[in-house]
């Protein structure tokens, strides 16, 4: 987690946002070229001192922004064409000049919109994963029931 000051209040940024922001900057700066492979979840987790779950959230955020793509059993790669929408944390840290209150309000609105989109994406991913877990659980229960039926049949024959 990283803390920063926004006027009169201290805002603590979740670790996954900090990690996603760091990779987004590196991608946009050209340090990570399109098609290049990112380190493994374990390597990223070790580098930042976080769990794989935090890394998964960070990479999910980057993927929802079109900056990376995941290839099953091969890894995570920088996308060929990136969505240029900046995450809220980057909007906040940009060093562009501001022109009075209107500019600050516009930047705040952009940041809020980006966070809202990211939150919606995370909720959608969470719902999808919950649905998949429920289906898997139901399949396991069905398999157990079938095994129990077979065992009862074997016991009855014995």
C-alpha atoms as a PDB file:
ATOM      1  CA  UNK A   1       0.000   0.000   0.000  1.00  0.00           C
ATOM      2  CA  UNK A   2       1.075   3.530  -0.669  1.00  0.00           C
ATOM      3  CA  UNK A   3      -0.187   6.640   1.049  1.00  0.00           C
ATOM      4  CA  UNK A   4      -0.468  10.059  -0.530  1.00  0.00           C
ATOM      5  CA  UNK A   5      -1.901  13.361   0.539  1.00  0.00           C
ATOM      6  CA  UNK A   6      -4.977  14.766  -1.190  1.00  0.00           C
ATOM      7  CA  UNK A   7      -5.561  18.134   0.379  1.00  0.00           C
ATOM      8  CA  UNK A   8      -6.602  17.684   3.969  1.00  0.00           C
ATOM      9  CA  UNK A   9      -6.935  13.883   3.931  1.00  0.00           C
ATOM     10  CA  UNK A  10      -4.447  11.043   3.641  1.00  0.00           C
ATOM     11  CA  UNK A  11      -5.445   8.419   1.086  1.00  0.00           C
ATOM     12  CA  UNK A  12      -4.016   4.895   1.310  1.00  0.00           C
ATOM     13  CA  UNK A  13      -3.758   3.185  -2.047  1.00  0.00           C
ATOM     14  CA  UNK A  14      -4.140  -0.629  -2.156  1.00  0.00           C
ATOM     15  CA  UNK A  15      -1.009  -2.567  -3.120  1.00  0.00           C
ATOM     16  CA  UNK A  16      -2.597  -3.946  -6.297  1.00  0.00           C
ATOM     17  CA  UNK A  17      -3.281  -0.396  -7.548  1.00  0.00           C
ATOM     18  CA  UNK A  18       0.317   0.622  -6.811  1.00  0.00           C
ATOM     19  CA  UNK A  19       1.659  -2.435  -8.691  1.00  0.00           C
ATOM     20  CA  UNK A  20      -0.708  -1.911 -11.629  1.00  0.00           C
ATOM     21  CA  UNK A  21       0.247   1.765 -11.789  1.00  0.00           C
ATOM     22  CA  UNK A  22       3.966   0.919 -11.874  1.00  0.00           C
ATOM     23  CA  UNK A  23       3.525  -1.540 -14.749  1.00  0.00           C
ATOM     24  CA  UNK A  24       1.182   0.827 -16.617  1.00  0.00           C
ATOM     25  CA  UNK A  25       3.829   3.564 -16.455  1.00  0.00           C
ATOM     26  CA  UNK A  26       6.533   1.200 -17.708  1.00  0.00           C
ATOM     27  CA  UNK A  27       4.309   0.044 -20.587  1.00  0.00           C
ATOM     28  CA  UNK A  28       3.307   3.578 -21.606  1.00  0.00           C
ATOM     29  CA  UNK A  29       6.912   4.782 -21.358  1.00  0.00           C
ATOM     30  CA  UNK A  30       7.977   2.024 -23.774  1.00  0.00           C
ATOM     31  CA  UNK A  31      10.160   0.328 -21.169  1.00  0.00           C
ATOM     32  CA  UNK A  32       7.996  -2.779 -21.653  1.00  0.00           C
ATOM     33  CA  UNK A  33       7.443  -3.281 -25.378  1.00  0.00           C
ATOM     34  CA  UNK A  34       4.280  -4.768 -26.940  1.00  0.00           C
ATOM     35  CA  UNK A  35       4.565  -8.554 -26.973  1.00  0.00           C
ATOM     36  CA  UNK A  36       7.148  -8.701 -24.183  1.00  0.00           C
ATOM     37  CA  UNK A  37       6.466 -11.101 -21.346  1.00  0.00           C
ATOM     38  CA  UNK A  38       5.923  -9.864 -17.802  1.00  0.00           C
ATOM     39  CA  UNK A  39       7.507 -11.684 -14.863  1.00  0.00           C
ATOM     40  CA  UNK A  40       5.529 -14.560 -13.341  1.00  0.00           C
ATOM     41  CA  UNK A  41       2.957 -13.965 -10.602  1.00  0.00           C
ATOM     42  CA  UNK A  42       5.409 -15.423  -8.085  1.00  0.00           C
ATOM     43  CA  UNK A  43       8.224 -13.130  -9.229  1.00  0.00           C
ATOM     44  CA  UNK A  44       6.021 -10.030  -9.087  1.00  0.00           C
ATOM     45  CA  UNK A  45       4.673 -11.063  -5.672  1.00  0.00           C
ATOM     46  CA  UNK A  46       8.197 -11.592  -4.355  1.00  0.00           C
ATOM     47  CA  UNK A  47       9.446  -8.281  -5.787  1.00  0.00           C
ATOM     48  CA  UNK A  48       6.625  -6.311  -4.144  1.00  0.00           C
ATOM     49  CA  UNK A  49       6.258  -8.390  -0.970  1.00  0.00           C
ATOM     50  CA  UNK A  50       2.609  -9.282  -1.630  1.00  0.00           C
ATOM     51  CA  UNK A  51       0.558 -12.435  -2.220  1.00  0.00           C
ATOM     52  CA  UNK A  52      -0.314 -13.945  -5.599  1.00  0.00           C
ATOM     53  CA  UNK A  53      -3.899 -12.753  -5.058  1.00  0.00           C
ATOM     54  CA  UNK A  54      -2.728  -9.128  -4.939  1.00  0.00           C
ATOM     55  CA  UNK A  55      -0.722  -9.697  -8.142  1.00  0.00           C
ATOM     56  CA  UNK A  56      -3.777 -11.287  -9.779  1.00  0.00           C
ATOM     57  CA  UNK A  57      -5.835  -8.179  -8.934  1.00  0.00           C
ATOM     58  CA  UNK A  58      -3.111  -5.868 -10.270  1.00  0.00           C
ATOM     59  CA  UNK A  59      -2.801  -7.789 -13.534  1.00  0.00           C
ATOM     60  CA  UNK A  60      -6.596  -7.989 -13.807  1.00  0.00           C
ATOM     61  CA  UNK A  61      -6.718  -4.218 -13.564  1.00  0.00           C
ATOM     62  CA  UNK A  62      -4.077  -3.882 -16.296  1.00  0.00           C
ATOM     63  CA  UNK A  63      -5.905  -6.396 -18.467  1.00  0.00           C
ATOM     64  CA  UNK A  64      -9.214  -4.565 -18.026  1.00  0.00           C
ATOM     65  CA  UNK A  65      -7.438  -1.452 -19.310  1.00  0.00           C
ATOM     66  CA  UNK A  66      -6.167  -3.301 -22.377  1.00  0.00           C
ATOM     67  CA  UNK A  67      -2.495  -2.965 -21.430  1.00  0.00           C
ATOM     68  CA  UNK A  68      -1.727  -6.664 -21.073  1.00  0.00           C
ATOM     69  CA  UNK A  69      -3.076  -9.995 -22.238  1.00  0.00           C
ATOM     70  CA  UNK A  70      -2.859 -13.373 -20.596  1.00  0.00           C
ATOM     71  CA  UNK A  71      -2.020 -16.498 -22.591  1.00  0.00           C
ATOM     72  CA  UNK A  72      -2.987 -19.696 -20.795  1.00  0.00           C
ATOM     73  CA  UNK A  73       0.041 -21.756 -19.731  1.00  0.00           C
ATOM     74  CA  UNK A  74       2.429 -19.284 -21.370  1.00  0.00           C
ATOM     75  CA  UNK A  75       2.234 -16.135 -19.262  1.00  0.00           C
ATOM     76  CA  UNK A  76       1.229 -12.505 -19.330  1.00  0.00           C
ATOM     77  CA  UNK A  77       2.310 -10.248 -22.184  1.00  0.00           C
ATOM     78  CA  UNK A  78       2.159  -6.550 -22.990  1.00  0.00           C
ATOM     79  CA  UNK A  79      -0.754  -6.028 -25.379  1.00  0.00           C
ATOM     80  CA  UNK A  80      -0.010  -5.101 -28.969  1.00  0.00           C
ATOM     81  CA  UNK A  81      -2.234  -2.029 -28.811  1.00  0.00           C
ATOM     82  CA  UNK A  82      -2.943  -0.439 -25.485  1.00  0.00           C
ATOM     83  CA  UNK A  83      -6.033   1.387 -24.359  1.00  0.00           C
ATOM     84  CA  UNK A  84      -4.662   4.818 -23.556  1.00  0.00           C
ATOM     85  CA  UNK A  85      -7.108   5.513 -20.714  1.00  0.00           C
ATOM     86  CA  UNK A  86      -4.983   6.383 -17.720  1.00  0.00           C
ATOM     87  CA  UNK A  87      -5.719   4.718 -14.382  1.00  0.00           C
ATOM     88  CA  UNK A  88      -6.770   7.085 -11.642  1.00  0.00           C
ATOM     89  CA  UNK A  89      -3.489   6.808  -9.775  1.00  0.00           C
ATOM     90  CA  UNK A  90      -1.604   7.938 -12.885  1.00  0.00           C
ATOM     91  CA  UNK A  91      -4.004  10.803 -13.457  1.00  0.00           C
ATOM     92  CA  UNK A  92      -3.315  11.953  -9.922  1.00  0.00           C
ATOM     93  CA  UNK A  93       0.453  11.726 -10.300  1.00  0.00           C
ATOM     94  CA  UNK A  94       0.778  13.413 -13.704  1.00  0.00           C
ATOM     95  CA  UNK A  95       2.726  16.612 -13.616  1.00  0.00           C
ATOM     96  CA  UNK A  96       0.679  18.613 -16.108  1.00  0.00           C
ATOM     97  CA  UNK A  97      -0.091  22.217 -15.218  1.00  0.00           C
ATOM     98  CA  UNK A  98      -3.564  22.818 -13.868  1.00  0.00           C
ATOM     99  CA  UNK A  99      -5.629  25.870 -14.623  1.00  0.00           C
ATOM    100  CA  UNK A 100      -7.702  26.679 -11.594  1.00  0.00           C
ATOM    101  CA  UNK A 101     -10.480  24.739 -10.027  1.00  0.00           C
ATOM    102  CA  UNK A 102     -12.097  23.561 -13.293  1.00  0.00           C
ATOM    103  CA  UNK A 103      -8.994  21.632 -14.303  1.00  0.00           C
ATOM    104  CA  UNK A 104      -8.680  20.017 -10.859  1.00  0.00           C
ATOM    105  CA  UNK A 105     -12.349  19.072 -10.942  1.00  0.00           C
ATOM    106  CA  UNK A 106     -11.965  17.560 -14.415  1.00  0.00           C
ATOM    107  CA  UNK A 107      -8.935  15.550 -13.297  1.00  0.00           C
ATOM    108  CA  UNK A 108     -10.786  14.417 -10.177  1.00  0.00           C
ATOM    109  CA  UNK A 109     -13.768  13.404 -12.302  1.00  0.00           C
ATOM    110  CA  UNK A 110     -11.486  11.467 -14.658  1.00  0.00           C
ATOM    111  CA  UNK A 111      -9.878   9.750 -11.689  1.00  0.00           C
ATOM    112  CA  UNK A 112     -13.255   8.901 -10.191  1.00  0.00           C
ATOM    113  CA  UNK A 113     -14.474   7.548 -13.518  1.00  0.00           C
ATOM    114  CA  UNK A 114     -11.334   5.414 -13.928  1.00  0.00           C
ATOM    115  CA  UNK A 115     -11.646   4.035 -10.376  1.00  0.00           C
ATOM    116  CA  UNK A 116     -15.340   3.331 -10.923  1.00  0.00           C
ATOM    117  CA  UNK A 117     -14.576   1.460 -14.148  1.00  0.00           C
ATOM    118  CA  UNK A 118     -11.820  -0.514 -12.443  1.00  0.00           C
ATOM    119  CA  UNK A 119     -14.099  -1.342  -9.516  1.00  0.00           C
ATOM    120  CA  UNK A 120     -16.855  -2.451 -11.888  1.00  0.00           C
ATOM    121  CA  UNK A 121     -14.339  -4.640 -13.745  1.00  0.00           C
ATOM    122  CA  UNK A 122     -13.190  -6.192 -10.476  1.00  0.00           C
ATOM    123  CA  UNK A 123     -16.782  -6.853  -9.401  1.00  0.00           C
ATOM    124  CA  UNK A 124     -17.521  -8.455 -12.761  1.00  0.00           C
ATOM    125  CA  UNK A 125     -14.422 -10.664 -12.489  1.00  0.00           C
ATOM    126  CA  UNK A 126     -15.379 -11.598  -8.928  1.00  0.00           C
ATOM    127  CA  UNK A 127     -18.909 -12.561  -9.978  1.00  0.00           C
ATOM    128  CA  UNK A 128     -17.531 -14.635 -12.853  1.00  0.00           C
ATOM    129  CA  UNK A 129     -15.089 -16.450 -10.559  1.00  0.00           C
ATOM    130  CA  UNK A 130     -17.818 -17.076  -7.971  1.00  0.00           C
ATOM    131  CA  UNK A 131     -20.083 -18.542 -10.659  1.00  0.00           C
ATOM    132  CA  UNK A 132     -17.258 -20.787 -11.898  1.00  0.00           C
ATOM    133  CA  UNK A 133     -16.531 -21.921  -8.340  1.00  0.00           C
ATOM    134  CA  UNK A 134     -20.213 -22.748  -7.752  1.00  0.00           C
ATOM    135  CA  UNK A 135     -20.312 -24.789 -11.000  1.00  0.00           C
ATOM    136  CA  UNK A 136     -17.133 -26.636 -10.019  1.00  0.00           C
ATOM    137  CA  UNK A 137     -18.526 -27.340  -6.539  1.00  0.00           C
ATOM    138  CA  UNK A 138     -21.747 -28.693  -8.064  1.00  0.00           C
ATOM    139  CA  UNK A 139     -19.747 -30.943 -10.415  1.00  0.00           C
ATOM    140  CA  UNK A 140     -17.668 -32.279  -7.523  1.00  0.00           C
ATOM    141  CA  UNK A 141     -20.811 -32.988  -5.496  1.00  0.00           C
ATOM    142  CA  UNK A 142     -22.354 -34.780  -8.465  1.00  0.00           C
ATOM    143  CA  UNK A 143     -19.192 -36.868  -8.855  1.00  0.00           C
ATOM    144  CA  UNK A 144     -19.237 -37.770  -5.163  1.00  0.00           C
ATOM    145  CA  UNK A 145     -22.896 -38.796  -5.422  1.00  0.00           C
ATOM    146  CA  UNK A 146     -22.099 -41.031  -8.414  1.00  0.00           C
ATOM    147  CA  UNK A 147     -19.187 -42.649  -6.555  1.00  0.00           C
ATOM    148  CA  UNK A 148     -21.424 -43.241  -3.530  1.00  0.00           C
ATOM    149  CA  UNK A 149     -24.018 -44.896  -5.775  1.00  0.00           C
ATOM    150  CA  UNK A 150     -21.364 -47.162  -7.297  1.00  0.00           C
ATOM    151  CA  UNK A 151     -19.988 -48.046  -3.862  1.00  0.00           C
ATOM    152  CA  UNK A 152     -23.469 -48.914  -2.564  1.00  0.00           C
ATOM    153  CA  UNK A 153     -24.026 -51.135  -5.613  1.00  0.00           C
ATOM    154  CA  UNK A 154     -20.701 -52.897  -4.987  1.00  0.00           C
ATOM    155  CA  UNK A 155     -21.515 -53.357  -1.291  1.00  0.00           C
ATOM    156  CA  UNK A 156     -24.975 -54.711  -2.129  1.00  0.00           C
ATOM    157  CA  UNK A 157     -23.440 -57.281  -4.534  1.00  0.00           C
ATOM    158  CA  UNK A 158     -20.851 -58.389  -1.957  1.00  0.00           C
END
